[in-house]
PDB file of N, CA and C in Angstrom:
ATOM      1  N   MET A   1      -1.090 -38.809  10.166  1.00  0.00           N
ATOM      2  CA  MET A   1      -2.255 -38.112   9.927  1.00  0.00           C
ATOM      3  C   MET A   1      -2.271 -36.811  10.803  1.00  0.00           C
ATOM      4  N   ARG A   2      -1.849 -36.916  12.014  1.00  0.00           N
ATOM      5  CA  ARG A   2      -1.845 -35.895  12.961  1.00  0.00           C
ATOM      6  C   ARG A   2      -0.952 -34.763  12.490  1.00  0.00           C
ATOM      7  N   GLU A   3       0.233 -35.201  11.957  1.00  0.00           N
ATOM      8  CA  GLU A   3       1.223 -34.150  11.404  1.00  0.00           C
ATOM      9  C   GLU A   3       0.592 -33.370  10.324  1.00  0.00           C
ATOM     10  N   PHE A   4      -0.068 -34.117   9.425  1.00  0.00           N
ATOM     11  CA  PHE A   4      -0.668 -33.489   8.301  1.00  0.00           C
ATOM     12  C   PHE A   4      -1.659 -32.359   8.711  1.00  0.00           C
ATOM     13  N   VAL A   5      -2.495 -32.691   9.643  1.00  0.00           N
ATOM     14  CA  VAL A   5      -3.475 -31.753  10.193  1.00  0.00           C
ATOM     15  C   VAL A   5      -2.701 -30.548  10.783  1.00  0.00           C
ATOM     16  N   TYR A   6      -1.717 -30.830  11.524  1.00  0.00           N
ATOM     17  CA  TYR A   6      -0.961 -29.610  12.127  1.00  0.00           C
ATOM     18  C   TYR A   6      -0.304 -28.815  11.084  1.00  0.00           C
ATOM     19  N   LYS A   7       0.200 -29.407  10.011  1.00  0.00           N
ATOM     20  CA  LYS A   7       0.810 -28.678   8.919  1.00  0.00           C
ATOM     21  C   LYS A   7      -0.195 -27.851   8.109  1.00  0.00           C
ATOM     22  N   ILE A   8      -1.361 -28.437   7.936  1.00  0.00           N
ATOM     23  CA  ILE A   8      -2.470 -27.622   7.283  1.00  0.00           C
ATOM     24  C   ILE A   8      -2.873 -26.461   8.088  1.00  0.00           C
ATOM     25  N   ILE A   9      -3.051 -26.708   9.407  1.00  0.00           N
ATOM     26  CA  ILE A   9      -3.501 -25.597  10.309  1.00  0.00           C
ATOM     27  C   ILE A   9      -2.388 -24.437  10.341  1.00  0.00           C
ATOM     28  N   ILE A  10      -1.110 -24.875  10.377  1.00  0.00           N
ATOM     29  CA  ILE A  10      -0.063 -23.948  10.429  1.00  0.00           C
ATOM     30  C   ILE A  10      -0.016 -23.159   9.063  1.00  0.00           C
ATOM     31  N   PHE A  11      -0.191 -23.826   8.022  1.00  0.00           N
ATOM     32  CA  PHE A  11      -0.201 -23.308   6.647  1.00  0.00           C
ATOM     33  C   PHE A  11      -1.312 -22.232   6.520  1.00  0.00           C
ATOM     34  N   PHE A  12      -2.524 -22.518   7.028  1.00  0.00           N
ATOM     35  CA  PHE A  12      -3.606 -21.516   6.887  1.00  0.00           C
ATOM     36  C   PHE A  12      -3.366 -20.319   7.811  1.00  0.00           C
ATOM     37  N   ILE A  13      -2.864 -20.583   8.967  1.00  0.00           N
ATOM     38  CA  ILE A  13      -2.557 -19.481   9.904  1.00  0.00           C
ATOM     39  C   ILE A  13      -1.507 -18.507   9.302  1.00  0.00           C
ATOM     40  N   VAL A  14      -0.361 -19.055   8.690  1.00  0.00           N
ATOM     41  CA  VAL A  14       0.652 -18.266   8.155  1.00  0.00           C
ATOM     42  C   VAL A  14       0.095 -17.560   6.860  1.00  0.00           C
ATOM     43  N   THR A  15      -0.725 -18.203   6.125  1.00  0.00           N
ATOM     44  CA  THR A  15      -1.278 -17.564   4.963  1.00  0.00           C
ATOM     45  C   THR A  15      -2.210 -16.435   5.363  1.00  0.00           C
ATOM     46  N   PHE A  16      -3.054 -16.677   6.403  1.00  0.00           N
ATOM     47  CA  PHE A  16      -3.949 -15.644   6.903  1.00  0.00           C
ATOM     48  C   PHE A  16      -3.114 -14.378   7.311  1.00  0.00           C
ATOM     49  N   PHE A  17      -2.075 -14.518   8.068  1.00  0.00           N
ATOM     50  CA  PHE A  17      -1.340 -13.380   8.608  1.00  0.00           C
ATOM     51  C   PHE A  17      -0.569 -12.718   7.337  1.00  0.00           C
ATOM     52  N   LEU A  18      -0.067 -13.475   6.427  1.00  0.00           N
ATOM     53  CA  LEU A  18       0.611 -12.886   5.253  1.00  0.00           C
ATOM     54  C   LEU A  18      -0.459 -12.057   4.483  1.00  0.00           C
ATOM     55  N   TYR A  19      -1.617 -12.580   4.324  1.00  0.00           N
ATOM     56  CA  TYR A  19      -2.668 -11.843   3.561  1.00  0.00           C
ATOM     57  C   TYR A  19      -3.021 -10.531   4.202  1.00  0.00           C
ATOM     58  N   HIS A  20      -3.232 -10.607   5.572  1.00  0.00           N
ATOM     59  CA  HIS A  20      -3.530  -9.380   6.253  1.00  0.00           C
ATOM     60  C   HIS A  20      -2.450  -8.393   6.350  1.00  0.00           C
ATOM     61  N   SER A  21      -1.273  -8.844   6.380  1.00  0.00           N
ATOM     62  CA  SER A  21      -0.051  -7.896   6.495  1.00  0.00           C
ATOM     63  C   SER A  21       0.275  -7.234   5.194  1.00  0.00           C
ATOM     64  N   THR A  22      -0.153  -7.872   4.059  1.00  0.00           N
ATOM     65  CA  THR A  22       0.158  -7.307   2.680  1.00  0.00           C
ATOM     66  C   THR A  22      -1.072  -6.770   2.056  1.00  0.00           C
ATOM     67  N   ILE A  23      -1.916  -7.559   1.430  1.00  0.00           N
ATOM     68  CA  ILE A  23      -3.029  -7.236   0.648  1.00  0.00           C
ATOM     69  C   ILE A  23      -4.130  -6.707   1.528  1.00  0.00           C
ATOM     70  N   GLY A  24      -4.344  -7.204   2.658  1.00  0.00           N
ATOM     71  CA  GLY A  24      -5.381  -6.731   3.538  1.00  0.00           C
ATOM     72  C   GLY A  24      -5.120  -5.320   3.963  1.00  0.00           C
ATOM     73  N   TYR A  25      -3.883  -5.006   4.294  1.00  0.00           N
ATOM     74  CA  TYR A  25      -3.485  -3.685   4.714  1.00  0.00           C
ATOM     75  C   TYR A  25      -3.766  -2.612   3.666  1.00  0.00           C
ATOM     76  N   THR A  26      -3.342  -2.960   2.368  1.00  0.00           N
ATOM     77  CA  THR A  26      -3.534  -1.996   1.311  1.00  0.00           C
ATOM     78  C   THR A  26      -5.082  -1.780   1.041  1.00  0.00           C
ATOM     79  N   ILE A  27      -5.902  -2.815   1.174  1.00  0.00           N
ATOM     80  CA  ILE A  27      -7.318  -2.662   0.968  1.00  0.00           C
ATOM     81  C   ILE A  27      -7.898  -1.802   2.114  1.00  0.00           C
ATOM     82  N   TYR A  28      -7.407  -1.977   3.316  1.00  0.00           N
ATOM     83  CA  TYR A  28      -7.830  -1.199   4.434  1.00  0.00           C
ATOM     84  C   TYR A  28      -7.474   0.290   4.238  1.00  0.00           C
ATOM     85  N   LYS A  29      -6.278   0.567   3.700  1.00  0.00           N
ATOM     86  CA  LYS A  29      -5.950   1.925   3.412  1.00  0.00           C
ATOM     87  C   LYS A  29      -6.906   2.583   2.453  1.00  0.00           C
ATOM     88  N   PHE A  30      -7.163   1.848   1.364  1.00  0.00           N
ATOM     89  CA  PHE A  30      -8.096   2.396   0.386  1.00  0.00           C
ATOM     90  C   PHE A  30      -9.488   2.646   0.893  1.00  0.00           C
ATOM     91  N   GLN A  31      -9.996   1.747   1.743  1.00  0.00           N
ATOM     92  CA  GLN A  31     -11.312   1.934   2.354  1.00  0.00           C
ATOM     93  C   GLN A  31     -11.268   3.205   3.198  1.00  0.00           C
ATOM     94  N   ASN A  32     -10.257   3.368   3.946  1.00  0.00           N
ATOM     95  CA  ASN A  32     -10.217   4.627   4.824  1.00  0.00           C
ATOM     96  C   ASN A  32     -10.222   5.870   3.999  1.00  0.00           C
ATOM     97  N   LYS A  33      -9.472   5.820   2.850  1.00  0.00           N
ATOM     98  CA  LYS A  33      -9.406   7.044   1.957  1.00  0.00           C
ATOM     99  C   LYS A  33     -10.792   7.314   1.489  1.00  0.00           C
ATOM    100  N   ILE A  34     -11.566   6.284   1.045  1.00  0.00           N
ATOM    101  CA  ILE A  34     -12.856   6.414   0.382  1.00  0.00           C
ATOM    102  C   ILE A  34     -13.859   6.951   1.527  1.00  0.00           C
ATOM    103  N   TYR A  35     -13.846   6.335   2.682  1.00  0.00           N
ATOM    104  CA  TYR A  35     -14.704   6.729   3.729  1.00  0.00           C
ATOM    105  C   TYR A  35     -14.374   8.155   4.200  1.00  0.00           C
ATOM    106  N   SER A  36     -13.166   8.529   4.253  1.00  0.00           N
ATOM    107  CA  SER A  36     -12.748   9.872   4.735  1.00  0.00           C
ATOM    108  C   SER A  36     -13.098  10.939   3.762  1.00  0.00           C
ATOM    109  N   SER A  37     -13.164  10.638   2.414  1.00  0.00           N
ATOM    110  CA  SER A  37     -13.494  11.574   1.468  1.00  0.00           C
ATOM    111  C   SER A  37     -15.013  11.795   1.320  1.00  0.00           C
ATOM    112  N   ILE A  38     -15.750  10.888   1.817  1.00  0.00           N
ATOM    113  CA  ILE A  38     -17.220  10.951   1.830  1.00  0.00           C
ATOM    114  C   ILE A  38     -17.839  11.424   3.095  1.00  0.00           C
ATOM    115  N   ASP A  39     -17.126  12.117   3.857  1.00  0.00           N
ATOM    116  CA  ASP A  39     -17.705  12.567   5.123  1.00  0.00           C
ATOM    117  C   ASP A  39     -18.670  13.775   4.969  1.00  0.00           C
ATOM    118  N   LYS A  40     -19.451  14.025   5.939  1.00  0.00           N
ATOM    119  CA  LYS A  40     -20.559  14.942   5.798  1.00  0.00           C
ATOM    120  C   LYS A  40     -20.013  16.455   5.512  1.00  0.00           C
ATOM    121  N   LYS A  41     -18.849  16.730   6.062  1.00  0.00           N
ATOM    122  CA  LYS A  41     -18.331  18.100   5.848  1.00  0.00           C
ATOM    123  C   LYS A  41     -18.027  18.239   4.385  1.00  0.00           C
ATOM    124  N   ALA A  42     -17.402  17.247   3.754  1.00  0.00           N
ATOM    125  CA  ALA A  42     -16.916  17.420   2.369  1.00  0.00           C
ATOM    126  C   ALA A  42     -18.201  17.497   1.477  1.00  0.00           C
ATOM    127  N   VAL A  43     -19.224  16.721   1.809  1.00  0.00           N
ATOM    128  CA  VAL A  43     -20.496  16.735   1.050  1.00  0.00           C
ATOM    129  C   VAL A  43     -21.088  18.166   1.088  1.00  0.00           C
ATOM    130  N   GLU A  44     -21.092  18.650   2.304  1.00  0.00           N
ATOM    131  CA  GLU A  44     -21.749  20.026   2.452  1.00  0.00           C
ATOM    132  C   GLU A  44     -20.939  21.156   1.660  1.00  0.00           C
ATOM    133  N   ASN A  45     -19.587  20.991   1.769  1.00  0.00           N
ATOM    134  CA  ASN A  45     -18.718  21.905   0.947  1.00  0.00           C
ATOM    135  C   ASN A  45     -19.025  21.836  -0.553  1.00  0.00           C
ATOM    136  N   PHE A  46     -19.270  20.585  -1.033  1.00  0.00           N
ATOM    137  CA  PHE A  46     -19.498  20.385  -2.381  1.00  0.00           C
ATOM    138  C   PHE A  46     -20.879  20.990  -2.788  1.00  0.00           C
ATOM    139  N   LYS A  47     -21.851  20.767  -1.897  1.00  0.00           N
ATOM    140  CA  LYS A  47     -23.190  21.366  -2.132  1.00  0.00           C
ATOM    141  C   LYS A  47     -23.132  22.892  -2.176  1.00  0.00           C
ATOM    142  N   ASP A  48     -22.345  23.477  -1.313  1.00  0.00           N
ATOM    143  CA  ASP A  48     -22.179  24.890  -1.290  1.00  0.00           C
ATOM    144  C   ASP A  48     -21.494  25.448  -2.553  1.00  0.00           C
ATOM    145  N   LYS A  49     -20.614  24.693  -3.034  1.00  0.00           N
ATOM    146  CA  LYS A  49     -19.916  25.072  -4.224  1.00  0.00           C
ATOM    147  C   LYS A  49     -20.816  25.075  -5.429  1.00  0.00           C
ATOM    148  N   ILE A  50     -21.647  24.119  -5.457  1.00  0.00           N
ATOM    149  CA  ILE A  50     -22.660  24.020  -6.563  1.00  0.00           C
ATOM    150  C   ILE A  50     -23.573  25.113  -6.466  1.00  0.00           C
ATOM    151  N   ARG A  51     -24.103  25.453  -5.215  1.00  0.00           N
ATOM    152  CA  ARG A  51     -25.085  26.505  -5.107  1.00  0.00           C
ATOM    153  C   ARG A  51     -24.444  27.852  -5.495  1.00  0.00           C
ATOM    154  N   ILE A  52     -23.219  28.134  -5.192  1.00  0.00           N
ATOM    155  CA  ILE A  52     -22.491  29.297  -5.605  1.00  0.00           C
ATOM    156  C   ILE A  52     -22.347  29.449  -7.178  1.00  0.00           C
ATOM    157  N   GLU A  53     -22.059  28.242  -7.823  1.00  0.00           N
ATOM    158  CA  GLU A  53     -21.930  28.243  -9.253  1.00  0.00           C
ATOM    159  C   GLU A  53     -23.259  28.499  -9.853  1.00  0.00           C
ATOM    160  N   ILE A  54     -24.326  27.889  -9.326  1.00  0.00           N
ATOM    161  CA  ILE A  54     -25.663  28.176  -9.903  1.00  0.00           C
ATOM    162  C   ILE A  54     -26.007  29.686  -9.877  1.00  0.00           C
ATOM    163  N   LYS A  55     -25.734  30.236  -8.661  1.00  0.00           N
ATOM    164  CA  LYS A  55     -26.156  31.648  -8.403  1.00  0.00           C
ATOM    165  C   LYS A  55     -25.360  32.490  -9.420  1.00  0.00           C
ATOM    166  N   ASN A  56     -24.035  32.228  -9.586  1.00  0.00           N
ATOM    167  CA  ASN A  56     -23.211  32.985 -10.481  1.00  0.00           C
ATOM    168  C   ASN A  56     -23.653  32.853 -11.979  1.00  0.00           C
ATOM    169  N   SER A  57     -24.031  31.648 -12.334  1.00  0.00           N
ATOM    170  CA  SER A  57     -24.500  31.408 -13.699  1.00  0.00           C
ATOM    171  C   SER A  57     -25.875  32.063 -13.996  1.00  0.00           C
ATOM    172  N   LEU A  58     -26.776  32.278 -13.006  1.00  0.00           N
ATOM    173  CA  LEU A  58     -27.986  32.970 -13.130  1.00  0.00           C
ATOM    174  C   LEU A  58     -27.839  34.421 -13.350  1.00  0.00           C
ATOM    175  N   LYS A  59     -26.701  34.955 -12.836  1.00  0.00           N
ATOM    176  CA  LYS A  59     -26.406  36.409 -13.003  1.00  0.00           C
ATOM    177  C   LYS A  59     -26.047  36.769 -14.498  1.00  0.00           C
ATOM    178  N   LYS A  60     -25.576  35.805 -15.222  1.00  0.00           N
ATOM    179  CA  LYS A  60     -25.108  36.038 -16.552  1.00  0.00           C
ATOM    180  C   LYS A  60     -26.315  36.245 -17.487  1.00  0.00           C
ATOM    181  N   ASP A  61     -26.165  36.898 -18.584  1.00  0.00           N
ATOM    182  CA  ASP A  61     -27.222  37.041 -19.601  1.00  0.00           C
ATOM    183  C   ASP A  61     -27.483  35.759 -20.275  1.00  0.00           C
ATOM    184  N   LYS A  62     -26.460  35.100 -20.685  1.00  0.00           N
ATOM    185  CA  LYS A  62     -26.606  33.744 -21.356  1.00  0.00           C
ATOM    186  C   LYS A  62     -25.747  32.721 -20.597  1.00  0.00           C
ATOM    187  N   ILE A  63     -26.437  31.652 -20.311  1.00  0.00           N
ATOM    188  CA  ILE A  63     -25.763  30.594 -19.541  1.00  0.00           C
ATOM    189  C   ILE A  63     -25.090  29.623 -20.534  1.00  0.00           C
ATOM    190  N   LEU A  64     -25.751  29.340 -21.582  1.00  0.00           N
ATOM    191  CA  LEU A  64     -25.248  28.345 -22.595  1.00  0.00           C
ATOM    192  C   LEU A  64     -24.726  29.059 -23.813  1.00  0.00           C
ATOM    193  N   LYS A  65     -23.704  28.412 -24.464  1.00  0.00           N
ATOM    194  CA  LYS A  65     -23.366  28.897 -25.730  1.00  0.00           C
ATOM    195  C   LYS A  65     -24.319  28.413 -26.800  1.00  0.00           C
ATOM    196  N   ASP A  66     -24.405  29.014 -27.923  1.00  0.00           N
ATOM    197  CA  ASP A  66     -25.369  28.641 -28.888  1.00  0.00           C
ATOM    198  C   ASP A  66     -25.247  27.173 -29.395  1.00  0.00           C
ATOM    199  N   GLU A  67     -24.060  26.795 -29.500  1.00  0.00           N
ATOM    200  CA  GLU A  67     -23.844  25.333 -29.884  1.00  0.00           C
ATOM    201  C   GLU A  67     -24.286  24.333 -28.809  1.00  0.00           C
ATOM    202  N   ASP A  68     -24.081  24.675 -27.583  1.00  0.00           N
ATOM    203  CA  ASP A  68     -24.511  23.845 -26.474  1.00  0.00           C
ATOM    204  C   ASP A  68     -26.082  23.826 -26.409  1.00  0.00           C
ATOM    205  N   ALA A  69     -26.676  25.028 -26.541  1.00  0.00           N
ATOM    206  CA  ALA A  69     -28.181  25.035 -26.577  1.00  0.00           C
ATOM    207  C   ALA A  69     -28.732  24.256 -27.712  1.00  0.00           C
ATOM    208  N   LEU A  70     -28.162  24.180 -28.817  1.00  0.00           N
ATOM    209  CA  LEU A  70     -28.668  23.464 -29.983  1.00  0.00           C
ATOM    210  C   LEU A  70     -28.536  21.985 -29.721  1.00  0.00           C
ATOM    211  N   LEU A  71     -27.428  21.611 -29.082  1.00  0.00           N
ATOM    212  CA  LEU A  71     -27.220  20.147 -28.779  1.00  0.00           C
ATOM    213  C   LEU A  71     -28.289  19.658 -27.751  1.00  0.00           C
ATOM    214  N   LEU A  72     -28.561  20.466 -26.720  1.00  0.00           N
ATOM    215  CA  LEU A  72     -29.491  20.162 -25.729  1.00  0.00           C
ATOM    216  C   LEU A  72     -30.885  20.122 -26.369  1.00  0.00           C
ATOM    217  N   ARG A  73     -31.242  21.073 -27.174  1.00  0.00           N
ATOM    218  CA  ARG A  73     -32.463  21.036 -27.803  1.00  0.00           C
ATOM    219  C   ARG A  73     -32.713  19.789 -28.626  1.00  0.00           C
ATOM    220  N   ASN A  74     -31.732  19.380 -29.420  1.00  0.00           N
ATOM    221  CA  ASN A  74     -31.821  18.211 -30.169  1.00  0.00           C
ATOM    222  C   ASN A  74     -31.962  16.946 -29.343  1.00  0.00           C
ATOM    223  N   LEU A  75     -31.208  16.917 -28.260  1.00  0.00           N
ATOM    224  CA  LEU A  75     -31.280  15.808 -27.282  1.00  0.00           C
ATOM    225  C   LEU A  75     -32.758  15.690 -26.680  1.00  0.00           C
ATOM    226  N   ILE A  76     -33.310  16.858 -26.249  1.00  0.00           N
ATOM    227  CA  ILE A  76     -34.567  16.808 -25.663  1.00  0.00           C
ATOM    228  C   ILE A  76     -35.659  16.450 -26.746  1.00  0.00           C
ATOM    229  N   ASP A  77     -35.523  16.914 -27.951  1.00  0.00           N
ATOM    230  CA  ASP A  77     -36.476  16.496 -28.988  1.00  0.00           C
ATOM    231  C   ASP A  77     -36.423  15.001 -29.252  1.00  0.00           C
ATOM    232  N   LYS A  78     -35.172  14.487 -29.322  1.00  0.00           N
ATOM    233  CA  LYS A  78     -35.045  13.033 -29.528  1.00  0.00           C
ATOM    234  C   LYS A  78     -35.582  12.221 -28.386  1.00  0.00           C
ATOM    235  N   LEU A  79     -35.378  12.661 -27.150  1.00  0.00           N
ATOM    236  CA  LEU A  79     -35.957  11.998 -25.993  1.00  0.00           C
ATOM    237  C   LEU A  79     -37.468  12.057 -25.979  1.00  0.00           C
ATOM    238  N   SER A  80     -37.981  13.169 -26.322  1.00  0.00           N
ATOM    239  CA  SER A  80     -39.507  13.318 -26.286  1.00  0.00           C
ATOM    240  C   SER A  80     -40.146  12.446 -27.435  1.00  0.00           C
ATOM    241  N   PHE A  81     -39.439  12.400 -28.647  1.00  0.00           N
ATOM    242  CA  PHE A  81     -39.924  11.462 -29.654  1.00  0.00           C
ATOM    243  C   PHE A  81     -39.899  10.090 -29.189  1.00  0.00           C
ATOM    244  N   GLU A  82     -38.832   9.600 -28.557  1.00  0.00           N
ATOM    245  CA  GLU A  82     -38.714   8.196 -28.087  1.00  0.00           C
ATOM    246  C   GLU A  82     -39.818   7.927 -26.979  1.00  0.00           C
ATOM    247  N   ILE A  83     -40.095   8.876 -26.193  1.00  0.00           N
ATOM    248  CA  ILE A  83     -41.018   8.681 -25.172  1.00  0.00           C
ATOM    249  C   ILE A  83     -42.516   8.574 -25.745  1.00  0.00           C
ATOM    250  N   LYS A  84     -42.723   9.423 -26.730  1.00  0.00           N
ATOM    251  CA  LYS A  84     -44.035   9.388 -27.451  1.00  0.00           C
ATOM    252  C   LYS A  84     -44.204   8.102 -28.204  1.00  0.00           C
ATOM    253  N   SER A  85     -43.193   7.700 -28.876  1.00  0.00           N
ATOM    254  CA  SER A  85     -43.277   6.485 -29.678  1.00  0.00           C
ATOM    255  C   SER A  85     -43.420   5.149 -28.812  1.00  0.00           C
ATOM    256  N   ALA A  86     -43.000   5.197 -27.542  1.00  0.00           N
ATOM    257  CA  ALA A  86     -43.072   4.137 -26.617  1.00  0.00           C
ATOM    258  C   ALA A  86     -44.519   3.755 -26.249  1.00  0.00           C
ATOM    259  N   ASN A  87     -45.336   4.710 -26.343  1.00  0.00           N
ATOM    260  CA  ASN A  87     -46.784   4.504 -25.938  1.00  0.00           C
ATOM    261  C   ASN A  87     -47.564   3.803 -27.016  1.00  0.00           C
TER     262      ASN A  87
END
């Protein structure tokens, strides 16, 4: 019985270290990539790029193409109809 318990303990310890040296390490690398890509500096850069693009689009005479404007109008009409019919 004592040998069985020792074998089980050894098996779990070896399995634990194998997991962390293979799968656990790759998961850790992916976590670090995700966390590093969402840092505050990157978010601020993204916000600045969006602001610049909005400013540039406001300088144009027409922001949307006629086809896009028609699609947006149809979408807004459909949404407003569904909202009114929900009451």
